[in-house]
Amino acid sequence: MRLLVLEDDAKLGPWMEKGLTEAGHIVDLFTDGKEALLAAMGHEYDVLVLDRMVPSLDGLSVLKSLRQAKVAAPAIFVTAQGEVDDRVEGLLAGGDDYLTKPFAFSELVARIEVITRRQTGSEEQSSRLVAGDVEIDVHKRTCLRQGQPLDLNPKEFLLLEVFMRSNGRVQTRTMLLEKVWDINFDPTTSVVETHISRLRGKIEKPFGDTLIRTIRGAGYVFRPR
């Protein structure tokens, strides 16, 4: 999932970004409310994680503006303002959940998963993807092929998730860089090729077939049996 995190604490923000990235998400971290608002207006995020007390425009005002603009991405406040009136105010502004500081990282991850399931109305629908004999659970971070569990690192898992959601459409190198690594330019790097090679080694080689096909001059396409 792609997450927007608004947190201006110099230690907490990068810590949240690192942890959520390691959990397999793409994270855009902002320390300024106005910048976060512009980003959320221009991009589709799966979840907004908002601190209330940030420079230029507080998190509450950011969410009110987004809701007025019909941006429906679920939002969770993560803030030191934890009184009952503060929580009520956040929920009435359009927030879906409210987590007070200090907090356990595992609870943040769990709350993010809960509000995304709530948006789809079904845990099974939101978490389980199946293509051919490949099955992944995006919440449990598990992958099976022919019923056999496969050990994928976070980037390999996210790469496979992108392919499985693509419905057979070609994914260009640039598209993969943006979706998996959040890189919006084409650097001189073999990161895409390296990770696809490793992913193929895990989901194809043991089974003696090809799922990810290279389309010369275009990119890659996922075509399960």
C-alpha atoms as a PDB file:
ATOM      1  CA  MET A   1       0.000   0.000   0.000  1.00  0.00           C
ATOM      2  CA  ARG A   2       1.031   3.597  -0.483  1.00  0.00           C
ATOM      3  CA  LEU A   3       0.924   5.619   2.714  1.00  0.00           C
ATOM      4  CA  LEU A   4       1.197   9.331   3.424  1.00  0.00           C
ATOM      5  CA  VAL A   5       2.776  10.063   6.798  1.00  0.00           C
ATOM      6  CA  LEU A   6       2.655  13.585   8.241  1.00  0.00           C
ATOM      7  CA  GLU A   7       5.031  13.795  11.198  1.00  0.00           C
ATOM      8  CA  ASP A   8       7.474  16.609  11.967  1.00  0.00           C
ATOM      9  CA  ASP A   9       9.403  14.968  14.824  1.00  0.00           C
ATOM     10  CA  ALA A  10      12.960  14.511  13.536  1.00  0.00           C
ATOM     11  CA  LYS A  11      13.317  11.064  15.106  1.00  0.00           C
ATOM     12  CA  LEU A  12       9.781   9.689  15.091  1.00  0.00           C
ATOM     13  CA  GLY A  13       9.040  10.487  11.444  1.00  0.00           C
ATOM     14  CA  PRO A  14      12.023   8.610   9.939  1.00  0.00           C
ATOM     15  CA  TRP A  15      11.419   5.766  12.418  1.00  0.00           C
ATOM     16  CA  MET A  16       7.840   5.390  11.218  1.00  0.00           C
ATOM     17  CA  GLU A  17       8.931   5.656   7.590  1.00  0.00           C
ATOM     18  CA  LYS A  18      11.591   2.965   8.043  1.00  0.00           C
ATOM     19  CA  GLY A  19       9.283   0.575   9.874  1.00  0.00           C
ATOM     20  CA  LEU A  20       6.383   0.921   7.459  1.00  0.00           C
ATOM     21  CA  THR A  21       8.724   0.541   4.475  1.00  0.00           C
ATOM     22  CA  GLU A  22      10.156  -2.637   5.981  1.00  0.00           C
ATOM     23  CA  ALA A  23       6.570  -3.856   6.366  1.00  0.00           C
ATOM     24  CA  GLY A  24       6.289  -3.661   2.576  1.00  0.00           C
ATOM     25  CA  HIS A  25       4.592  -0.296   2.077  1.00  0.00           C
ATOM     26  CA  ILE A  26       5.532   2.720  -0.012  1.00  0.00           C
ATOM     27  CA  VAL A  27       5.796   5.691   2.357  1.00  0.00           C
ATOM     28  CA  ASP A  28       5.775   9.401   1.559  1.00  0.00           C
ATOM     29  CA  LEU A  29       6.926  11.268   4.680  1.00  0.00           C
ATOM     30  CA  PHE A  30       6.065  14.945   5.146  1.00  0.00           C
ATOM     31  CA  THR A  31       6.933  17.325   7.963  1.00  0.00           C
ATOM     32  CA  ASP A  32       4.829  20.240   6.708  1.00  0.00           C
ATOM     33  CA  GLY A  33       1.031  20.273   6.588  1.00  0.00           C
ATOM     34  CA  LYS A  34       0.684  22.294   3.392  1.00  0.00           C
ATOM     35  CA  GLU A  35       3.071  20.002   1.523  1.00  0.00           C
ATOM     36  CA  ALA A  36       1.188  16.947   2.747  1.00  0.00           C
ATOM     37  CA  LEU A  37      -2.124  18.466   1.636  1.00  0.00           C
ATOM     38  CA  LEU A  38      -0.823  19.148  -1.869  1.00  0.00           C
ATOM     39  CA  ALA A  39       0.557  15.620  -2.130  1.00  0.00           C
ATOM     40  CA  ALA A  40      -2.702  14.036  -0.982  1.00  0.00           C
ATOM     41  CA  MET A  41      -4.624  16.155  -3.496  1.00  0.00           C
ATOM     42  CA  GLY A  42      -2.404  15.020  -6.349  1.00  0.00           C
ATOM     43  CA  HIS A  43      -1.818  11.340  -5.563  1.00  0.00           C
ATOM     44  CA  GLU A  44      -3.926   8.389  -4.532  1.00  0.00           C
ATOM     45  CA  TYR A  45      -2.965   7.090  -1.087  1.00  0.00           C
ATOM     46  CA  ASP A  46      -4.310   3.978   0.573  1.00  0.00           C
ATOM     47  CA  VAL A  47      -3.948   5.424   4.094  1.00  0.00           C
ATOM     48  CA  LEU A  48      -3.148   8.837   5.594  1.00  0.00           C
ATOM     49  CA  VAL A  49      -1.222   8.839   8.896  1.00  0.00           C
ATOM     50  CA  LEU A  50      -1.459  12.333  10.360  1.00  0.00           C
ATOM     51  CA  ASP A  51       0.069  14.136  13.309  1.00  0.00           C
ATOM     52  CA  ARG A  52      -2.053  17.050  14.481  1.00  0.00           C
ATOM     53  CA  MET A  53       0.661  19.470  15.601  1.00  0.00           C
ATOM     54  CA  VAL A  54       2.819  20.197  12.529  1.00  0.00           C
ATOM     55  CA  PRO A  55       4.105  23.382  10.855  1.00  0.00           C
ATOM     56  CA  SER A  56       2.143  25.633   8.468  1.00  0.00           C
ATOM     57  CA  LEU A  57      -1.101  23.624   8.529  1.00  0.00           C
ATOM     58  CA  ASP A  58      -2.088  21.270  11.342  1.00  0.00           C
ATOM     59  CA  GLY A  59      -3.144  17.699  10.621  1.00  0.00           C
ATOM     60  CA  LEU A  60      -6.762  18.328  11.554  1.00  0.00           C
ATOM     61  CA  SER A  61      -7.030  21.140   9.005  1.00  0.00           C
ATOM     62  CA  VAL A  62      -5.295  18.984   6.400  1.00  0.00           C
ATOM     63  CA  LEU A  63      -7.912  16.265   6.780  1.00  0.00           C
ATOM     64  CA  LYS A  64     -10.833  18.705   6.795  1.00  0.00           C
ATOM     65  CA  SER A  65      -9.576  20.165   3.500  1.00  0.00           C
ATOM     66  CA  LEU A  66      -9.181  16.699   1.989  1.00  0.00           C
ATOM     67  CA  ARG A  67     -12.650  15.622   3.015  1.00  0.00           C
ATOM     68  CA  GLN A  68     -14.098  18.825   1.543  1.00  0.00           C
ATOM     69  CA  ALA A  69     -12.272  17.961  -1.682  1.00  0.00           C
ATOM     70  CA  LYS A  70     -13.893  14.474  -1.595  1.00  0.00           C
ATOM     71  CA  VAL A  71     -10.601  12.681  -0.925  1.00  0.00           C
ATOM     72  CA  ALA A  72     -11.825   9.476   0.730  1.00  0.00           C
ATOM     73  CA  ALA A  73      -8.544   7.781   1.710  1.00  0.00           C
ATOM     74  CA  PRO A  74      -8.857   6.408   5.265  1.00  0.00           C
ATOM     75  CA  ALA A  75      -7.001   8.476   7.861  1.00  0.00           C
ATOM     76  CA  ILE A  76      -5.541   7.733  11.251  1.00  0.00           C
ATOM     77  CA  PHE A  77      -4.358  10.435  13.619  1.00  0.00           C
ATOM     78  CA  VAL A  78      -1.135   9.666  15.514  1.00  0.00           C
ATOM     79  CA  THR A  79      -0.703  12.483  17.999  1.00  0.00           C
ATOM     80  CA  ALA A  80       0.075  13.517  21.550  1.00  0.00           C
ATOM     81  CA  GLN A  81      -3.328  15.232  21.790  1.00  0.00           C
ATOM     82  CA  GLY A  82      -5.174  12.346  23.399  1.00  0.00           C
ATOM     83  CA  GLU A  83      -7.955  13.852  25.468  1.00  0.00           C
ATOM     84  CA  VAL A  84     -11.521  12.725  24.783  1.00  0.00           C
ATOM     85  CA  ASP A  85     -12.422  16.044  23.161  1.00  0.00           C
ATOM     86  CA  ASP A  86      -9.338  15.784  20.909  1.00  0.00           C
ATOM     87  CA  ARG A  87     -10.270  12.286  19.752  1.00  0.00           C
ATOM     88  CA  VAL A  88     -13.878  13.268  19.108  1.00  0.00           C
ATOM     89  CA  GLU A  89     -12.737  16.311  17.143  1.00  0.00           C
ATOM     90  CA  GLY A  90     -10.435  14.161  15.002  1.00  0.00           C
ATOM     91  CA  LEU A  91     -13.117  11.598  14.238  1.00  0.00           C
ATOM     92  CA  LEU A  92     -15.701  14.264  13.414  1.00  0.00           C
ATOM     93  CA  ALA A  93     -13.201  15.875  11.023  1.00  0.00           C
ATOM     94  CA  GLY A  94     -13.205  12.689   8.971  1.00  0.00           C
ATOM     95  CA  GLY A  95     -10.640  10.546  10.758  1.00  0.00           C
ATOM     96  CA  ASP A  96     -11.137   6.790  10.800  1.00  0.00           C
ATOM     97  CA  ASP A  97      -8.980   6.070  13.864  1.00  0.00           C
ATOM     98  CA  TYR A  98      -7.011   7.864  16.554  1.00  0.00           C
ATOM     99  CA  LEU A  99      -3.759   6.655  18.152  1.00  0.00           C
ATOM    100  CA  THR A 100      -2.118   8.621  20.945  1.00  0.00           C
ATOM    101  CA  LYS A 101       1.625   8.940  21.550  1.00  0.00           C
ATOM    102  CA  PRO A 102       3.606   7.143  22.766  1.00  0.00           C
ATOM    103  CA  PHE A 103       2.508   4.054  20.877  1.00  0.00           C
ATOM    104  CA  ALA A 104       3.744   0.593  19.933  1.00  0.00           C
ATOM    105  CA  PHE A 105       4.688   0.266  16.263  1.00  0.00           C
ATOM    106  CA  SER A 106       2.867  -3.062  16.034  1.00  0.00           C
ATOM    107  CA  GLU A 107      -0.353  -1.316  17.085  1.00  0.00           C
ATOM    108  CA  LEU A 108       0.076   1.304  14.349  1.00  0.00           C
ATOM    109  CA  VAL A 109       0.514  -1.436  11.738  1.00  0.00           C
ATOM    110  CA  ALA A 110      -2.536  -3.286  13.061  1.00  0.00           C
ATOM    111  CA  ARG A 111      -4.700  -0.162  13.013  1.00  0.00           C
ATOM    112  CA  ILE A 112      -3.647   0.615   9.431  1.00  0.00           C
ATOM    113  CA  GLU A 113      -4.661  -2.895   8.402  1.00  0.00           C
ATOM    114  CA  VAL A 114      -8.000  -2.625  10.195  1.00  0.00           C
ATOM    115  CA  ILE A 115      -9.060   0.638   8.563  1.00  0.00           C
ATOM    116  CA  THR A 116      -8.103  -0.603   5.095  1.00  0.00           C
ATOM    117  CA  ARG A 117     -10.177  -3.750   5.625  1.00  0.00           C
ATOM    118  CA  ARG A 118     -13.038  -1.582   6.809  1.00  0.00           C
ATOM    119  CA  GLN A 119     -12.914   0.424   3.582  1.00  0.00           C
ATOM    120  CA  THR A 120     -13.399  -2.687   1.436  1.00  0.00           C
ATOM    121  CA  GLY A 121     -16.012  -4.135   3.761  1.00  0.00           C
ATOM    122  CA  SER A 122     -14.363  -7.547   3.712  1.00  0.00           C
ATOM    123  CA  GLU A 123     -11.083  -8.769   5.176  1.00  0.00           C
ATOM    124  CA  GLU A 124     -10.908 -11.616   2.655  1.00  0.00           C
ATOM    125  CA  GLN A 125     -11.508  -9.288  -0.298  1.00  0.00           C
ATOM    126  CA  SER A 126      -8.930  -6.765   0.833  1.00  0.00           C
ATOM    127  CA  SER A 127      -6.160  -9.133   1.816  1.00  0.00           C
ATOM    128  CA  ARG A 128      -6.173 -12.203  -0.439  1.00  0.00           C
ATOM    129  CA  LEU A 129      -5.046 -12.134  -4.069  1.00  0.00           C
ATOM    130  CA  VAL A 130      -5.064 -15.220  -6.289  1.00  0.00           C
ATOM    131  CA  ALA A 131      -3.666 -15.606  -9.811  1.00  0.00           C
ATOM    132  CA  GLY A 132      -3.408 -19.105 -11.222  1.00  0.00           C
ATOM    133  CA  ASP A 133      -1.752 -21.265  -8.587  1.00  0.00           C
ATOM    134  CA  VAL A 134      -0.178 -18.270  -6.821  1.00  0.00           C
ATOM    135  CA  GLU A 135      -1.851 -16.845  -3.716  1.00  0.00           C
ATOM    136  CA  ILE A 136      -0.753 -13.979  -1.480  1.00  0.00           C
ATOM    137  CA  ASP A 137      -2.222 -12.360   1.617  1.00  0.00           C
ATOM    138  CA  VAL A 138      -1.213  -8.707   1.664  1.00  0.00           C
ATOM    139  CA  HIS A 139      -1.969  -8.302   5.370  1.00  0.00           C
ATOM    140  CA  LYS A 140      -0.327 -11.464   6.651  1.00  0.00           C
ATOM    141  CA  ARG A 141       2.521 -11.010   4.114  1.00  0.00           C
ATOM    142  CA  THR A 142       2.342 -14.650   3.082  1.00  0.00           C
ATOM    143  CA  CYS A 143       2.828 -16.198  -0.365  1.00  0.00           C
ATOM    144  CA  LEU A 144       1.848 -19.680  -1.565  1.00  0.00           C
ATOM    145  CA  ARG A 145       2.351 -21.422  -4.861  1.00  0.00           C
ATOM    146  CA  GLN A 146       0.660 -24.772  -5.371  1.00  0.00           C
ATOM    147  CA  GLY A 147       0.073 -24.669  -1.628  1.00  0.00           C
ATOM    148  CA  GLN A 148       3.774 -24.355  -0.857  1.00  0.00           C
ATOM    149  CA  PRO A 149       4.892 -21.336   1.229  1.00  0.00           C
ATOM    150  CA  LEU A 150       7.492 -19.094  -0.410  1.00  0.00           C
ATOM    151  CA  ASP A 151       9.870 -16.850   1.521  1.00  0.00           C
ATOM    152  CA  LEU A 152       9.836 -13.386  -0.093  1.00  0.00           C
ATOM    153  CA  ASN A 153      11.544 -10.284   1.273  1.00  0.00           C
ATOM    154  CA  PRO A 154       9.394  -7.099   1.509  1.00  0.00           C
ATOM    155  CA  LYS A 155      10.362  -5.705  -1.913  1.00  0.00           C
ATOM    156  CA  GLU A 156       9.918  -9.065  -3.646  1.00  0.00           C
ATOM    157  CA  PHE A 157       6.495  -9.381  -2.032  1.00  0.00           C
ATOM    158  CA  LEU A 158       5.451  -5.861  -3.083  1.00  0.00           C
ATOM    159  CA  LEU A 159       6.733  -6.518  -6.608  1.00  0.00           C
ATOM    160  CA  LEU A 160       4.644  -9.690  -6.834  1.00  0.00           C
ATOM    161  CA  GLU A 161       1.623  -7.841  -5.431  1.00  0.00           C
ATOM    162  CA  VAL A 162       1.954  -5.192  -8.165  1.00  0.00           C
ATOM    163  CA  PHE A 163       2.121  -7.902 -10.836  1.00  0.00           C
ATOM    164  CA  MET A 164      -0.869  -9.767  -9.426  1.00  0.00           C
ATOM    165  CA  ARG A 165      -2.958  -6.587  -9.350  1.00  0.00           C
ATOM    166  CA  SER A 166      -1.992  -5.687 -12.920  1.00  0.00           C
ATOM    167  CA  ASN A 167      -4.542  -8.068 -14.528  1.00  0.00           C
ATOM    168  CA  GLY A 168      -2.106  -9.076 -17.273  1.00  0.00           C
ATOM    169  CA  ARG A 169      -1.150  -5.525 -18.232  1.00  0.00           C
ATOM    170  CA  VAL A 170       2.451  -4.734 -19.112  1.00  0.00           C
ATOM    171  CA  GLN A 171       4.361  -3.061 -16.284  1.00  0.00           C
ATOM    172  CA  THR A 172       7.161  -0.847 -17.534  1.00  0.00           C
ATOM    173  CA  ARG A 173      10.434  -0.427 -15.660  1.00  0.00           C
ATOM    174  CA  THR A 174       9.429   3.150 -14.798  1.00  0.00           C
ATOM    175  CA  MET A 175       6.063   2.014 -13.456  1.00  0.00           C
ATOM    176  CA  LEU A 176       7.719  -0.595 -11.244  1.00  0.00           C
ATOM    177  CA  LEU A 177      10.271   1.901  -9.938  1.00  0.00           C
ATOM    178  CA  GLU A 178       7.431   4.210  -8.884  1.00  0.00           C
ATOM    179  CA  LYS A 179       5.110   1.564  -7.425  1.00  0.00           C
ATOM    180  CA  VAL A 180       7.681  -0.568  -5.590  1.00  0.00           C
ATOM    181  CA  TRP A 181      10.547   1.814  -4.816  1.00  0.00           C
ATOM    182  CA  ASP A 182       8.725   5.177  -4.997  1.00  0.00           C
ATOM    183  CA  ILE A 183      11.322   6.466  -7.481  1.00  0.00           C
ATOM    184  CA  ASN A 184       9.796   8.976  -9.900  1.00  0.00           C
ATOM    185  CA  PHE A 185      12.738   9.147 -12.281  1.00  0.00           C
ATOM    186  CA  ASP A 186      14.734   6.513 -14.148  1.00  0.00           C
ATOM    187  CA  PRO A 187      18.097   6.211 -12.404  1.00  0.00           C
ATOM    188  CA  THR A 188      20.993   4.231 -13.797  1.00  0.00           C
ATOM    189  CA  THR A 189      20.371   1.209 -11.638  1.00  0.00           C
ATOM    190  CA  SER A 190      19.568  -2.453 -12.122  1.00  0.00           C
ATOM    191  CA  VAL A 191      17.352  -2.657  -9.027  1.00  0.00           C
ATOM    192  CA  VAL A 192      14.274  -3.721 -11.029  1.00  0.00           C
ATOM    193  CA  GLU A 193      16.104  -6.372 -13.009  1.00  0.00           C
ATOM    194  CA  THR A 194      17.863  -7.697  -9.902  1.00  0.00           C
ATOM    195  CA  HIS A 195      14.667  -8.070  -7.875  1.00  0.00           C
ATOM    196  CA  ILE A 196      12.725  -9.616 -10.765  1.00  0.00           C
ATOM    197  CA  SER A 197      15.529 -12.150 -11.204  1.00  0.00           C
ATOM    198  CA  ARG A 198      15.378 -13.022  -7.501  1.00  0.00           C
ATOM    199  CA  LEU A 199      11.580 -13.224  -7.554  1.00  0.00           C
ATOM    200  CA  ARG A 200      11.687 -15.523 -10.578  1.00  0.00           C
ATOM    201  CA  GLY A 201      14.164 -17.718  -8.759  1.00  0.00           C
ATOM    202  CA  LYS A 202      11.630 -18.209  -5.964  1.00  0.00           C
ATOM    203  CA  ILE A 203       8.276 -18.434  -7.751  1.00  0.00           C
ATOM    204  CA  GLU A 204       9.347 -19.961 -11.084  1.00  0.00           C
ATOM    205  CA  LYS A 205      12.556 -21.995 -10.846  1.00  0.00           C
ATOM    206  CA  PRO A 206      11.334 -24.599  -8.301  1.00  0.00           C
ATOM    207  CA  PHE A 207       8.232 -25.181 -10.448  1.00  0.00           C
ATOM    208  CA  GLY A 208       9.919 -25.309 -13.850  1.00  0.00           C
ATOM    209  CA  ASP A 209       7.857 -22.679 -15.637  1.00  0.00           C
ATOM    210  CA  THR A 210       7.599 -18.960 -16.395  1.00  0.00           C
ATOM    211  CA  LEU A 211       5.145 -16.528 -14.826  1.00  0.00           C
ATOM    212  CA  ILE A 212       6.867 -13.169 -15.375  1.00  0.00           C
ATOM    213  CA  ARG A 213       7.552 -12.593 -19.056  1.00  0.00           C
ATOM    214  CA  THR A 214       9.879  -9.936 -20.465  1.00  0.00           C
ATOM    215  CA  ILE A 215       8.315  -7.882 -23.259  1.00  0.00           C
ATOM    216  CA  ARG A 216      11.236  -6.539 -25.265  1.00  0.00           C
ATOM    217  CA  GLY A 217      11.245  -2.749 -25.392  1.00  0.00           C
ATOM    218  CA  ALA A 218       8.185  -2.500 -23.135  1.00  0.00           C
ATOM    219  CA  GLY A 219       8.579  -4.093 -19.726  1.00  0.00           C
ATOM    220  CA  TYR A 220       7.194  -7.131 -17.933  1.00  0.00           C
ATOM    221  CA  VAL A 221       3.896  -8.937 -17.754  1.00  0.00           C
ATOM    222  CA  PHE A 222       2.636 -11.480 -15.216  1.00  0.00           C
ATOM    223  CA  ARG A 223       0.852 -14.406 -16.874  1.00  0.00           C
ATOM    224  CA  PRO A 224       0.161 -17.296 -14.512  1.00  0.00           C
ATOM    225  CA  ARG A 225      -1.016 -20.652 -15.773  1.00  0.00           C
END
